[in-house]
């Protein structure tokens, strides 16, 4: 059984033991692309942390920062703990008001 020419694989472009980028590829240097991507993600994370800090300090929101990204998500345990603390503070306040 012979293979049709359209089903045959072309040899990999290997020169000197290294794979060469494809001629039609828009990214010529993958390591450079990954380094730039890493730098961009670190810069975005730094901007978010700065915006969160500004928010905690009561300062205005910076330009280009999504206010929704600054909100902290609480899980169920944190929510119940917050409710417990608020309830206990209210009870202490009520006891202090009765004692006067």
N, C-alpha and C. Protein backbone atom coordinates (compact mmCIF):
# COMPACT_ATOMS: atom_id res chain seq x y z
N UNK A 1 0.85 -1.18 0.00
CA UNK A 1 0.00 0.00 0.00
C UNK A 1 0.89 1.23 0.00
N UNK A 2 0.68 2.12 -0.92
CA UNK A 2 1.53 3.31 -1.01
C UNK A 2 0.77 4.53 -0.48
N UNK A 3 1.52 5.42 0.07
CA UNK A 3 0.92 6.65 0.61
C UNK A 3 0.74 7.68 -0.49
N UNK A 4 -0.29 8.44 -0.33
CA UNK A 4 -0.47 9.53 -1.28
C UNK A 4 0.48 10.66 -0.92
N UNK A 5 0.93 11.43 -1.85
CA UNK A 5 1.88 12.50 -1.56
C UNK A 5 1.32 13.56 -0.61
N UNK A 6 0.00 13.75 -0.60
CA UNK A 6 -0.57 14.77 0.27
C UNK A 6 -0.53 14.37 1.74
N UNK A 7 -0.43 13.07 2.03
CA UNK A 7 -0.43 12.60 3.40
C UNK A 7 0.97 12.49 3.99
N UNK A 8 1.99 12.71 3.21
CA UNK A 8 3.35 12.57 3.72
C UNK A 8 3.71 13.80 4.56
N UNK A 9 4.55 13.58 5.52
CA UNK A 9 4.98 14.67 6.39
C UNK A 9 6.22 15.33 5.80
N UNK A 10 6.27 16.61 5.97
CA UNK A 10 7.48 17.31 5.54
C UNK A 10 8.49 17.24 6.67
N UNK A 11 9.76 17.21 6.36
CA UNK A 11 10.77 17.12 7.41
C UNK A 11 10.77 18.37 8.28
N UNK A 12 11.09 18.21 9.56
CA UNK A 12 11.15 19.34 10.48
C UNK A 12 12.34 20.21 10.13
N UNK A 13 12.17 21.52 10.21
CA UNK A 13 13.29 22.42 9.90
C UNK A 13 14.28 22.46 11.06
N UNK A 14 15.22 21.51 11.07
CA UNK A 14 16.22 21.44 12.13
C UNK A 14 17.58 21.75 11.53
N UNK A 15 18.22 22.76 12.06
CA UNK A 15 19.56 23.14 11.62
C UNK A 15 20.44 23.32 12.84
N UNK A 16 21.50 22.57 12.92
CA UNK A 16 22.43 22.70 14.04
C UNK A 16 21.83 22.21 15.35
N UNK A 17 20.85 21.31 15.31
CA UNK A 17 20.28 20.76 16.53
C UNK A 17 19.17 21.60 17.14
N UNK A 18 18.87 22.76 16.56
CA UNK A 18 17.82 23.64 17.10
C UNK A 18 16.67 23.71 16.11
N UNK A 19 15.48 23.76 16.64
CA UNK A 19 14.32 23.96 15.78
C UNK A 19 14.30 25.41 15.31
N UNK A 20 14.03 25.60 14.07
CA UNK A 20 13.95 26.93 13.51
C UNK A 20 12.49 27.38 13.49
N UNK A 21 12.24 28.67 13.66
CA UNK A 21 10.86 29.15 13.62
C UNK A 21 10.28 28.99 12.22
N UNK A 22 8.99 28.82 12.19
CA UNK A 22 8.32 28.72 10.90
C UNK A 22 8.40 30.04 10.17
N UNK A 23 8.46 29.97 8.88
CA UNK A 23 8.59 31.20 8.09
C UNK A 23 7.35 32.08 8.21
N UNK A 24 6.19 31.48 8.35
CA UNK A 24 4.96 32.25 8.43
C UNK A 24 4.58 32.66 9.84
N UNK A 25 5.42 32.37 10.83
CA UNK A 25 5.09 32.66 12.21
C UNK A 25 5.26 34.14 12.51
N UNK A 26 4.32 34.72 13.23
CA UNK A 26 4.41 36.13 13.61
C UNK A 26 5.37 36.32 14.78
N UNK A 27 5.61 35.27 15.55
CA UNK A 27 6.51 35.34 16.70
C UNK A 27 7.83 34.69 16.30
N UNK A 28 8.86 35.50 16.17
CA UNK A 28 10.14 34.95 15.73
C UNK A 28 10.95 34.41 16.90
N UNK A 29 10.80 35.03 18.07
CA UNK A 29 11.60 34.62 19.23
C UNK A 29 10.65 34.31 20.39
N UNK A 30 10.44 33.04 20.66
CA UNK A 30 9.49 32.63 21.69
C UNK A 30 9.95 33.03 23.08
N UNK A 31 11.22 32.92 23.37
CA UNK A 31 11.70 33.28 24.71
C UNK A 31 11.51 34.77 24.97
N UNK A 32 11.73 35.59 23.95
CA UNK A 32 11.50 37.03 24.08
C UNK A 32 10.04 37.34 24.31
N UNK A 33 9.17 36.62 23.61
CA UNK A 33 7.73 36.80 23.78
C UNK A 33 7.31 36.42 25.19
N UNK A 34 7.81 35.29 25.69
CA UNK A 34 7.45 34.84 27.04
C UNK A 34 7.98 35.81 28.10
N UNK A 35 9.17 36.36 27.90
CA UNK A 35 9.72 37.33 28.84
C UNK A 35 8.87 38.60 28.87
N UNK A 36 8.45 39.06 27.68
CA UNK A 36 7.61 40.26 27.62
C UNK A 36 6.26 39.99 28.26
N UNK A 37 5.70 38.82 28.04
CA UNK A 37 4.41 38.45 28.64
C UNK A 37 4.53 38.42 30.16
N UNK A 38 5.62 37.86 30.67
CA UNK A 38 5.85 37.80 32.11
C UNK A 38 5.99 39.21 32.69
N UNK A 39 6.73 40.07 32.00
CA UNK A 39 6.91 41.44 32.46
C UNK A 39 5.58 42.18 32.47
N UNK A 40 4.75 41.96 31.45
CA UNK A 40 3.44 42.61 31.39
C UNK A 40 2.54 42.14 32.53
N UNK A 41 2.56 40.85 32.82
CA UNK A 41 1.71 40.34 33.89
C UNK A 41 2.18 40.87 35.24
N UNK A 42 3.49 40.99 35.44
CA UNK A 42 4.01 41.55 36.69
C UNK A 42 3.62 43.01 36.82
N UNK A 43 3.66 43.76 35.72
CA UNK A 43 3.28 45.18 35.75
C UNK A 43 1.79 45.32 36.05
N UNK A 44 0.96 44.45 35.47
CA UNK A 44 -0.48 44.49 35.75
C UNK A 44 -0.76 44.17 37.21
N UNK A 45 -0.05 43.18 37.76
CA UNK A 45 -0.23 42.81 39.17
C UNK A 45 0.20 43.96 40.08
N UNK A 46 1.28 44.64 39.72
CA UNK A 46 1.76 45.77 40.52
C UNK A 46 0.74 46.91 40.49
N UNK A 47 0.14 47.17 39.32
CA UNK A 47 -0.88 48.22 39.22
C UNK A 47 -2.09 47.88 40.09
N UNK A 48 -2.49 46.60 40.07
CA UNK A 48 -3.65 46.19 40.86
C UNK A 48 -3.37 46.34 42.34
N UNK A 49 -2.18 45.93 42.79
CA UNK A 49 -1.83 46.06 44.20
C UNK A 49 -1.79 47.54 44.62
N UNK A 50 -1.27 48.39 43.75
CA UNK A 50 -1.22 49.82 44.06
C UNK A 50 -2.63 50.40 44.14
N UNK A 51 -3.50 49.98 43.22
CA UNK A 51 -4.88 50.46 43.24
C UNK A 51 -5.60 49.99 44.50
N UNK A 52 -5.34 48.75 44.94
CA UNK A 52 -5.94 48.25 46.17
C UNK A 52 -5.44 49.04 47.36
N UNK A 53 -4.15 49.35 47.38
CA UNK A 53 -3.58 50.13 48.49
C UNK A 53 -4.22 51.51 48.52
N UNK A 54 -4.34 52.15 47.33
CA UNK A 54 -4.96 53.48 47.27
C UNK A 54 -6.40 53.43 47.76
N UNK A 55 -7.09 52.36 47.42
CA UNK A 55 -8.48 52.20 47.84
C UNK A 55 -8.56 52.09 49.36
N UNK A 56 -7.67 51.30 49.96
CA UNK A 56 -7.67 51.16 51.43
C UNK A 56 -7.31 52.46 52.12
N UNK A 57 -6.50 53.31 51.48
CA UNK A 57 -6.11 54.58 52.07
C UNK A 57 -7.17 55.66 51.89
N UNK A 58 -8.21 55.35 51.12
CA UNK A 58 -9.28 56.32 50.89
C UNK A 58 -8.96 57.29 49.77
N UNK A 59 -7.96 56.98 48.97
CA UNK A 59 -7.58 57.84 47.85
C UNK A 59 -8.43 57.49 46.63
N UNK A 60 -8.42 58.36 45.66
CA UNK A 60 -9.22 58.14 44.46
C UNK A 60 -8.71 56.98 43.63
N UNK A 61 -9.58 56.48 42.78
CA UNK A 61 -9.22 55.38 41.90
C UNK A 61 -8.41 55.93 40.74
N UNK A 62 -7.34 55.24 40.41
CA UNK A 62 -6.49 55.68 39.32
C UNK A 62 -7.15 55.47 37.97
N UNK A 63 -6.65 56.20 37.00
CA UNK A 63 -7.16 56.06 35.64
C UNK A 63 -6.80 54.69 35.09
N UNK A 64 -7.72 54.05 34.42
CA UNK A 64 -7.46 52.77 33.80
C UNK A 64 -7.60 51.57 34.72
N UNK A 65 -8.10 51.77 35.94
CA UNK A 65 -8.28 50.67 36.89
C UNK A 65 -9.77 50.37 37.01
N UNK A 66 -10.11 49.12 36.90
CA UNK A 66 -11.50 48.69 37.02
C UNK A 66 -11.88 48.65 38.50
N UNK A 67 -12.85 49.46 38.93
CA UNK A 67 -13.23 49.46 40.35
C UNK A 67 -13.73 48.10 40.84
N UNK A 68 -14.30 47.30 39.95
CA UNK A 68 -14.79 45.98 40.35
C UNK A 68 -13.64 45.06 40.77
N UNK A 69 -12.45 45.29 40.23
CA UNK A 69 -11.31 44.43 40.57
C UNK A 69 -10.79 44.72 41.97
N UNK A 70 -11.21 45.83 42.56
CA UNK A 70 -10.72 46.20 43.89
C UNK A 70 -11.53 45.58 45.02
N UNK A 71 -12.71 45.09 44.71
CA UNK A 71 -13.56 44.52 45.74
C UNK A 71 -13.00 43.20 46.22
N UNK A 72 -13.05 43.00 47.53
CA UNK A 72 -12.55 41.76 48.11
C UNK A 72 -13.71 40.77 48.23
N UNK A 73 -13.46 39.55 47.86
CA UNK A 73 -14.45 38.50 47.97
C UNK A 73 -14.27 37.80 49.31
N UNK A 74 -15.38 37.65 50.06
CA UNK A 74 -15.31 36.95 51.34
C UNK A 74 -15.98 35.59 51.19
N UNK A 75 -15.35 34.58 51.77
CA UNK A 75 -15.97 33.26 51.75
C UNK A 75 -16.98 33.17 52.89
N UNK A 76 -17.69 32.07 53.00
CA UNK A 76 -18.76 31.92 53.99
C UNK A 76 -18.23 32.03 55.42
N UNK A 77 -17.06 31.47 55.68
CA UNK A 77 -16.49 31.52 57.03
C UNK A 77 -16.18 32.96 57.43
N UNK A 78 -15.63 33.73 56.50
CA UNK A 78 -15.32 35.12 56.79
C UNK A 78 -16.59 35.94 57.01
N UNK A 79 -17.62 35.65 56.23
CA UNK A 79 -18.89 36.37 56.39
C UNK A 79 -19.52 36.08 57.74
N UNK A 80 -19.54 34.79 58.14
CA UNK A 80 -20.14 34.45 59.42
C UNK A 80 -19.32 35.02 60.57
N UNK A 81 -18.00 35.04 60.44
CA UNK A 81 -17.15 35.62 61.47
C UNK A 81 -17.42 37.12 61.61
N UNK A 82 -17.59 37.81 60.48
CA UNK A 82 -17.88 39.25 60.51
C UNK A 82 -19.22 39.51 61.19
N UNK A 83 -20.23 38.70 60.86
CA UNK A 83 -21.55 38.85 61.48
C UNK A 83 -21.47 38.61 62.98
N UNK A 84 -20.70 37.60 63.41
CA UNK A 84 -20.54 37.29 64.83
C UNK A 84 -19.89 38.47 65.56
N UNK A 85 -18.84 39.02 64.98
CA UNK A 85 -18.15 40.15 65.61
C UNK A 85 -19.08 41.35 65.73
N UNK A 86 -19.85 41.64 64.67
CA UNK A 86 -20.78 42.76 64.72
C UNK A 86 -21.85 42.54 65.79
N UNK A 87 -22.36 41.31 65.90
CA UNK A 87 -23.37 40.98 66.90
C UNK A 87 -22.81 41.14 68.31
N UNK A 88 -21.61 40.62 68.54
CA UNK A 88 -21.00 40.72 69.88
C UNK A 88 -20.73 42.18 70.24
N UNK A 89 -20.30 42.99 69.30
CA UNK A 89 -20.08 44.41 69.58
C UNK A 89 -21.39 45.11 69.92
N UNK A 90 -22.47 44.75 69.22
CA UNK A 90 -23.77 45.34 69.52
C UNK A 90 -24.24 44.93 70.92
N UNK A 91 -24.06 43.64 71.28
CA UNK A 91 -24.45 43.19 72.63
C UNK A 91 -23.66 43.91 73.72
N UNK A 92 -22.36 44.08 73.52
CA UNK A 92 -21.53 44.79 74.50
C UNK A 92 -21.98 46.25 74.64
N UNK A 93 -22.32 46.85 73.51
CA UNK A 93 -22.78 48.23 73.53
C UNK A 93 -24.10 48.34 74.28
N UNK A 94 -25.02 47.39 74.06
CA UNK A 94 -26.30 47.38 74.74
C UNK A 94 -26.12 47.15 76.26
N UNK A 95 -25.21 46.27 76.64
CA UNK A 95 -24.95 46.01 78.07
C UNK A 95 -24.38 47.25 78.73
N UNK A 96 -23.50 47.94 78.02
CA UNK A 96 -22.90 49.17 78.57
C UNK A 96 -23.96 50.25 78.73
N UNK A 97 -24.90 50.31 77.79
CA UNK A 97 -25.96 51.33 77.87
C UNK A 97 -26.92 51.01 79.02
N UNK A 98 -27.18 49.73 79.31
CA UNK A 98 -28.06 49.36 80.42
C UNK A 98 -27.41 49.61 81.77
N UNK A 99 -26.10 49.48 81.83
CA UNK A 99 -25.40 49.64 83.09
C UNK A 99 -25.28 51.09 83.53
N UNK A 100 -25.53 52.02 82.67
CA UNK A 100 -25.39 53.45 83.02
C UNK A 100 -26.57 53.97 83.75
